[in-house]
N, C-alpha and C. Protein backbone atom coordinates (compact mmCIF):
# COMPACT_ATOMS: atom_id res chain seq x y z
N UNK A 1 -19.70 -0.04 6.68
CA UNK A 1 -20.14 1.14 5.97
C UNK A 1 -19.26 1.31 4.73
N UNK A 2 -19.88 1.59 3.61
CA UNK A 2 -19.16 1.87 2.37
C UNK A 2 -19.51 3.28 1.93
N UNK A 3 -18.48 4.07 1.69
CA UNK A 3 -18.66 5.44 1.24
C UNK A 3 -18.18 5.53 -0.21
N UNK A 4 -19.07 5.92 -1.11
CA UNK A 4 -18.70 6.12 -2.50
C UNK A 4 -18.18 7.54 -2.67
N UNK A 5 -17.01 7.66 -3.29
CA UNK A 5 -16.38 8.95 -3.50
C UNK A 5 -16.28 9.19 -5.00
N UNK A 6 -16.78 10.32 -5.44
CA UNK A 6 -16.69 10.72 -6.85
C UNK A 6 -15.63 11.80 -6.97
N UNK A 7 -14.68 11.58 -7.88
CA UNK A 7 -13.64 12.57 -8.11
C UNK A 7 -13.50 12.79 -9.61
N UNK A 8 -12.68 13.75 -9.97
CA UNK A 8 -12.45 14.01 -11.39
C UNK A 8 -11.74 12.84 -12.06
N UNK A 9 -11.08 11.98 -11.27
CA UNK A 9 -10.38 10.81 -11.80
C UNK A 9 -11.27 9.58 -11.91
N UNK A 10 -12.46 9.65 -11.32
CA UNK A 10 -13.37 8.51 -11.33
C UNK A 10 -13.98 8.29 -9.96
N UNK A 11 -14.60 7.15 -9.79
CA UNK A 11 -15.28 6.82 -8.54
C UNK A 11 -14.51 5.72 -7.81
N UNK A 12 -14.44 5.82 -6.50
CA UNK A 12 -13.84 4.77 -5.69
C UNK A 12 -14.59 4.68 -4.38
N UNK A 13 -14.31 3.61 -3.64
CA UNK A 13 -15.00 3.38 -2.38
C UNK A 13 -14.04 3.41 -1.20
N UNK A 14 -14.54 3.91 -0.09
CA UNK A 14 -13.86 3.80 1.19
C UNK A 14 -14.69 2.82 2.02
N UNK A 15 -14.04 1.76 2.49
CA UNK A 15 -14.76 0.71 3.21
C UNK A 15 -14.35 0.76 4.68
N UNK A 16 -15.33 0.98 5.54
CA UNK A 16 -15.12 1.01 6.98
C UNK A 16 -15.90 -0.15 7.57
N UNK A 17 -15.17 -1.19 7.96
CA UNK A 17 -15.84 -2.39 8.46
C UNK A 17 -14.89 -3.15 9.37
N UNK A 18 -15.34 -3.49 10.55
CA UNK A 18 -14.53 -4.27 11.46
C UNK A 18 -14.19 -5.61 10.81
N UNK A 19 -12.91 -5.97 10.84
CA UNK A 19 -12.47 -7.24 10.28
C UNK A 19 -12.28 -7.25 8.78
N UNK A 20 -12.39 -6.10 8.13
CA UNK A 20 -12.29 -6.07 6.66
C UNK A 20 -10.91 -6.47 6.17
N UNK A 21 -9.89 -6.34 7.00
CA UNK A 21 -8.54 -6.74 6.60
C UNK A 21 -8.48 -8.24 6.30
N UNK A 22 -9.31 -9.01 7.01
CA UNK A 22 -9.34 -10.46 6.77
C UNK A 22 -9.93 -10.81 5.41
N UNK A 23 -10.68 -9.90 4.83
CA UNK A 23 -11.32 -10.13 3.53
C UNK A 23 -10.86 -9.12 2.49
N UNK A 24 -9.66 -8.60 2.64
CA UNK A 24 -9.20 -7.53 1.74
C UNK A 24 -9.19 -7.96 0.28
N UNK A 25 -9.02 -9.25 0.03
CA UNK A 25 -9.00 -9.72 -1.36
C UNK A 25 -10.36 -9.55 -2.04
N UNK A 26 -11.42 -9.35 -1.26
CA UNK A 26 -12.73 -9.06 -1.84
C UNK A 26 -12.76 -7.67 -2.46
N UNK A 27 -11.90 -6.79 -1.95
CA UNK A 27 -11.93 -5.39 -2.35
C UNK A 27 -10.79 -5.00 -3.29
N UNK A 28 -9.74 -5.82 -3.33
CA UNK A 28 -8.57 -5.52 -4.16
C UNK A 28 -8.29 -6.69 -5.09
N UNK A 29 -7.82 -6.37 -6.28
CA UNK A 29 -7.41 -7.41 -7.22
C UNK A 29 -5.98 -7.81 -6.88
N UNK A 30 -5.82 -8.98 -6.30
CA UNK A 30 -4.50 -9.46 -5.90
C UNK A 30 -3.88 -10.39 -6.94
N UNK A 31 -4.41 -10.40 -8.15
CA UNK A 31 -3.84 -11.20 -9.23
C UNK A 31 -2.75 -10.39 -9.94
N UNK A 32 -1.88 -9.81 -9.15
CA UNK A 32 -0.76 -9.00 -9.62
C UNK A 32 0.20 -8.84 -8.45
N UNK A 33 1.32 -8.20 -8.68
CA UNK A 33 2.27 -7.96 -7.59
C UNK A 33 1.70 -6.90 -6.66
N UNK A 34 1.97 -7.09 -5.37
CA UNK A 34 1.48 -6.16 -4.36
C UNK A 34 2.66 -5.70 -3.50
N UNK A 35 2.86 -4.39 -3.41
CA UNK A 35 3.85 -3.82 -2.51
C UNK A 35 3.10 -3.27 -1.31
N UNK A 36 3.43 -3.80 -0.14
CA UNK A 36 2.80 -3.35 1.10
C UNK A 36 3.79 -2.44 1.82
N UNK A 37 3.40 -1.20 2.02
CA UNK A 37 4.24 -0.25 2.74
C UNK A 37 3.61 -0.04 4.11
N UNK A 38 4.40 -0.29 5.16
CA UNK A 38 3.91 -0.19 6.52
C UNK A 38 5.02 0.34 7.41
N UNK A 39 4.74 0.49 8.71
CA UNK A 39 5.80 0.92 9.62
C UNK A 39 5.93 -0.04 10.79
N UNK A 40 6.97 0.18 11.58
CA UNK A 40 7.30 -0.72 12.68
C UNK A 40 6.23 -0.76 13.77
N UNK A 41 5.35 0.21 13.78
CA UNK A 41 4.30 0.26 14.80
C UNK A 41 3.07 -0.58 14.48
N UNK A 42 2.95 -1.01 13.23
CA UNK A 42 1.81 -1.83 12.83
C UNK A 42 2.10 -3.28 13.24
N UNK A 43 1.22 -3.90 14.01
CA UNK A 43 1.47 -5.28 14.43
C UNK A 43 1.70 -6.21 13.24
N UNK A 44 2.67 -7.10 13.38
CA UNK A 44 3.05 -8.03 12.31
C UNK A 44 1.87 -8.88 11.85
N UNK A 45 0.93 -9.17 12.76
CA UNK A 45 -0.21 -10.02 12.37
C UNK A 45 -1.04 -9.37 11.27
N UNK A 46 -1.09 -8.03 11.23
CA UNK A 46 -1.84 -7.35 10.17
C UNK A 46 -1.12 -7.48 8.83
N UNK A 47 0.20 -7.35 8.86
CA UNK A 47 0.99 -7.53 7.65
C UNK A 47 0.82 -8.96 7.13
N UNK A 48 0.90 -9.93 8.03
CA UNK A 48 0.75 -11.33 7.63
C UNK A 48 -0.65 -11.62 7.10
N UNK A 49 -1.66 -10.97 7.65
CA UNK A 49 -3.04 -11.14 7.18
C UNK A 49 -3.17 -10.70 5.73
N UNK A 50 -2.57 -9.56 5.39
CA UNK A 50 -2.63 -9.07 4.01
C UNK A 50 -1.79 -9.96 3.10
N UNK A 51 -0.56 -10.26 3.51
CA UNK A 51 0.33 -11.08 2.68
C UNK A 51 -0.27 -12.44 2.37
N UNK A 52 -0.97 -13.03 3.32
CA UNK A 52 -1.53 -14.38 3.11
C UNK A 52 -2.60 -14.40 2.02
N UNK A 53 -3.13 -13.25 1.67
CA UNK A 53 -4.18 -13.18 0.65
C UNK A 53 -3.64 -12.81 -0.73
N UNK A 54 -2.34 -12.52 -0.80
CA UNK A 54 -1.70 -12.10 -2.05
C UNK A 54 -1.01 -13.29 -2.71
N UNK A 55 -1.04 -13.31 -4.04
CA UNK A 55 -0.27 -14.31 -4.77
C UNK A 55 1.22 -13.99 -4.69
N UNK A 56 1.55 -12.72 -4.87
CA UNK A 56 2.95 -12.30 -4.87
C UNK A 56 3.04 -10.94 -4.19
N UNK A 57 3.70 -10.90 -3.04
CA UNK A 57 3.79 -9.63 -2.31
C UNK A 57 5.21 -9.36 -1.86
N UNK A 58 5.50 -8.09 -1.71
CA UNK A 58 6.74 -7.60 -1.13
C UNK A 58 6.33 -6.57 -0.11
N UNK A 59 7.20 -6.33 0.86
CA UNK A 59 6.87 -5.30 1.83
C UNK A 59 8.07 -4.41 2.12
N UNK A 60 7.74 -3.18 2.46
CA UNK A 60 8.72 -2.22 2.95
C UNK A 60 8.22 -1.79 4.32
N UNK A 61 9.06 -1.99 5.33
CA UNK A 61 8.71 -1.59 6.70
C UNK A 61 9.62 -0.43 7.07
N UNK A 62 9.01 0.73 7.32
CA UNK A 62 9.77 1.93 7.64
C UNK A 62 9.66 2.24 9.13
N UNK A 63 10.51 3.14 9.59
CA UNK A 63 10.44 3.59 10.97
C UNK A 63 9.17 4.40 11.18
N UNK A 64 8.65 4.35 12.39
CA UNK A 64 7.49 5.17 12.72
C UNK A 64 7.87 6.64 12.77
N UNK A 65 6.96 7.49 12.37
CA UNK A 65 7.14 8.91 12.56
C UNK A 65 7.53 9.69 11.32
N UNK A 66 7.56 10.99 11.52
CA UNK A 66 7.80 11.94 10.43
C UNK A 66 9.15 11.77 9.75
N UNK A 67 10.12 11.17 10.44
CA UNK A 67 11.45 10.99 9.83
C UNK A 67 11.39 10.09 8.60
N UNK A 68 10.33 9.30 8.47
CA UNK A 68 10.20 8.43 7.29
C UNK A 68 9.69 9.19 6.07
N UNK A 69 9.28 10.43 6.26
CA UNK A 69 8.94 11.28 5.12
C UNK A 69 10.23 11.92 4.62
N UNK A 70 11.03 11.11 3.94
CA UNK A 70 12.34 11.59 3.49
C UNK A 70 12.64 11.06 2.09
N UNK A 71 13.54 11.74 1.43
CA UNK A 71 13.97 11.30 0.10
C UNK A 71 14.60 9.91 0.21
N UNK A 72 15.35 9.66 1.28
CA UNK A 72 16.01 8.37 1.46
C UNK A 72 14.99 7.23 1.54
N UNK A 73 13.92 7.41 2.31
CA UNK A 73 12.89 6.38 2.45
C UNK A 73 12.13 6.21 1.14
N UNK A 74 11.80 7.32 0.50
CA UNK A 74 11.12 7.30 -0.79
C UNK A 74 11.96 6.54 -1.82
N UNK A 75 13.25 6.85 -1.87
CA UNK A 75 14.16 6.19 -2.81
C UNK A 75 14.23 4.69 -2.52
N UNK A 76 14.26 4.32 -1.25
CA UNK A 76 14.29 2.90 -0.87
C UNK A 76 13.05 2.17 -1.39
N UNK A 77 11.89 2.78 -1.23
CA UNK A 77 10.64 2.17 -1.73
C UNK A 77 10.69 1.98 -3.24
N UNK A 78 11.13 3.01 -3.96
CA UNK A 78 11.22 2.91 -5.42
C UNK A 78 12.20 1.83 -5.85
N UNK A 79 13.34 1.74 -5.17
CA UNK A 79 14.33 0.71 -5.51
C UNK A 79 13.77 -0.69 -5.28
N UNK A 80 13.03 -0.86 -4.20
CA UNK A 80 12.41 -2.17 -3.94
C UNK A 80 11.44 -2.54 -5.05
N UNK A 81 10.68 -1.57 -5.52
CA UNK A 81 9.73 -1.83 -6.60
C UNK A 81 10.47 -2.14 -7.90
N UNK A 82 11.51 -1.38 -8.20
CA UNK A 82 12.30 -1.64 -9.40
C UNK A 82 12.98 -3.00 -9.33
N UNK A 83 13.58 -3.33 -8.19
CA UNK A 83 14.28 -4.60 -8.03
C UNK A 83 13.34 -5.80 -8.15
N UNK A 84 12.06 -5.58 -7.89
CA UNK A 84 11.08 -6.67 -7.96
C UNK A 84 10.19 -6.56 -9.20
N UNK A 85 10.63 -5.74 -10.16
CA UNK A 85 9.98 -5.62 -11.47
C UNK A 85 8.51 -5.24 -11.40
N UNK A 86 8.17 -4.31 -10.52
CA UNK A 86 6.79 -3.81 -10.48
C UNK A 86 6.53 -2.99 -11.74
N UNK A 87 5.28 -3.06 -12.22
CA UNK A 87 4.90 -2.25 -13.37
C UNK A 87 3.63 -1.47 -13.05
N UNK A 88 3.13 -0.76 -14.03
CA UNK A 88 1.98 0.13 -13.79
C UNK A 88 0.69 -0.60 -13.49
N UNK A 89 0.65 -1.91 -13.72
CA UNK A 89 -0.56 -2.68 -13.43
C UNK A 89 -0.56 -3.27 -12.03
N UNK A 90 0.53 -3.06 -11.28
CA UNK A 90 0.65 -3.64 -9.95
C UNK A 90 0.03 -2.73 -8.90
N UNK A 91 0.10 -3.14 -7.64
CA UNK A 91 -0.65 -2.49 -6.58
C UNK A 91 0.25 -2.10 -5.42
N UNK A 92 0.01 -0.92 -4.85
CA UNK A 92 0.68 -0.48 -3.62
C UNK A 92 -0.39 -0.35 -2.55
N UNK A 93 -0.14 -0.95 -1.39
CA UNK A 93 -1.06 -0.86 -0.25
C UNK A 93 -0.35 -0.14 0.89
N UNK A 94 -1.02 0.85 1.46
CA UNK A 94 -0.55 1.52 2.67
C UNK A 94 -1.20 0.80 3.84
N UNK A 95 -0.39 0.13 4.65
CA UNK A 95 -0.91 -0.58 5.82
C UNK A 95 -0.50 0.21 7.06
N UNK A 96 -1.36 1.12 7.44
CA UNK A 96 -1.08 2.03 8.54
C UNK A 96 -1.73 3.36 8.22
N UNK A 97 -1.37 4.35 8.95
CA UNK A 97 -1.97 5.66 8.72
C UNK A 97 -0.91 6.74 8.71
N UNK A 98 -1.35 7.96 8.57
CA UNK A 98 -0.45 9.10 8.65
C UNK A 98 0.70 9.02 7.67
N UNK A 99 1.90 8.89 8.20
CA UNK A 99 3.12 8.87 7.39
C UNK A 99 3.07 7.74 6.36
N UNK A 100 2.61 6.57 6.76
CA UNK A 100 2.55 5.42 5.84
C UNK A 100 1.64 5.74 4.66
N UNK A 101 0.50 6.33 4.93
CA UNK A 101 -0.42 6.70 3.86
C UNK A 101 0.17 7.75 2.93
N UNK A 102 0.82 8.74 3.52
CA UNK A 102 1.46 9.78 2.71
C UNK A 102 2.56 9.19 1.83
N UNK A 103 3.41 8.37 2.43
CA UNK A 103 4.54 7.78 1.70
C UNK A 103 4.05 6.85 0.60
N UNK A 104 3.15 5.93 0.93
CA UNK A 104 2.65 4.97 -0.06
C UNK A 104 1.92 5.69 -1.20
N UNK A 105 1.15 6.70 -0.87
CA UNK A 105 0.45 7.46 -1.91
C UNK A 105 1.41 8.17 -2.84
N UNK A 106 2.46 8.75 -2.27
CA UNK A 106 3.45 9.45 -3.09
C UNK A 106 4.23 8.47 -3.96
N UNK A 107 4.62 7.34 -3.38
CA UNK A 107 5.33 6.31 -4.14
C UNK A 107 4.46 5.82 -5.30
N UNK A 108 3.21 5.48 -5.01
CA UNK A 108 2.31 4.96 -6.05
C UNK A 108 2.05 5.98 -7.15
N UNK A 109 1.95 7.24 -6.78
CA UNK A 109 1.62 8.26 -7.78
C UNK A 109 2.81 8.66 -8.64
N UNK A 110 4.02 8.37 -8.19
CA UNK A 110 5.20 8.79 -8.96
C UNK A 110 5.95 7.64 -9.62
N UNK A 111 5.79 6.42 -9.15
CA UNK A 111 6.47 5.28 -9.76
C UNK A 111 5.91 5.06 -11.15
N UNK A 112 6.76 5.12 -12.15
CA UNK A 112 6.36 4.94 -13.55
C UNK A 112 5.20 5.87 -13.93
N UNK A 113 5.21 7.06 -13.38
CA UNK A 113 4.17 8.07 -13.61
C UNK A 113 2.81 7.64 -13.10
N UNK A 114 2.80 6.78 -12.09
CA UNK A 114 1.56 6.40 -11.42
C UNK A 114 1.15 4.96 -11.67
N UNK A 115 0.89 4.26 -10.56
CA UNK A 115 0.36 2.89 -10.69
C UNK A 115 -0.93 2.78 -9.92
């Protein structure tokens, strides 16, 4: 199922499909650096599935739970992006839900005023 979402910033899609992680490169432009933010509860095979489709990827693995919604974790993510020369044309992927989505969204929206 594909859901088209219209917002004041433009249109984007939400894709709900079993096995879509195996074909994520169909939906994302991986011809750039990719920062994957995930937590310890996400099985490693999912991280490896995404990484195997990227030309150049880095990952940040945080602790599970609300404690990862912290300035310290946020700062760590930003430092990883700076140390790996991410720019506004690069991509941040939240691999997980809840805290991971909140953290990755906040990192992406504030790094270099949004990527």
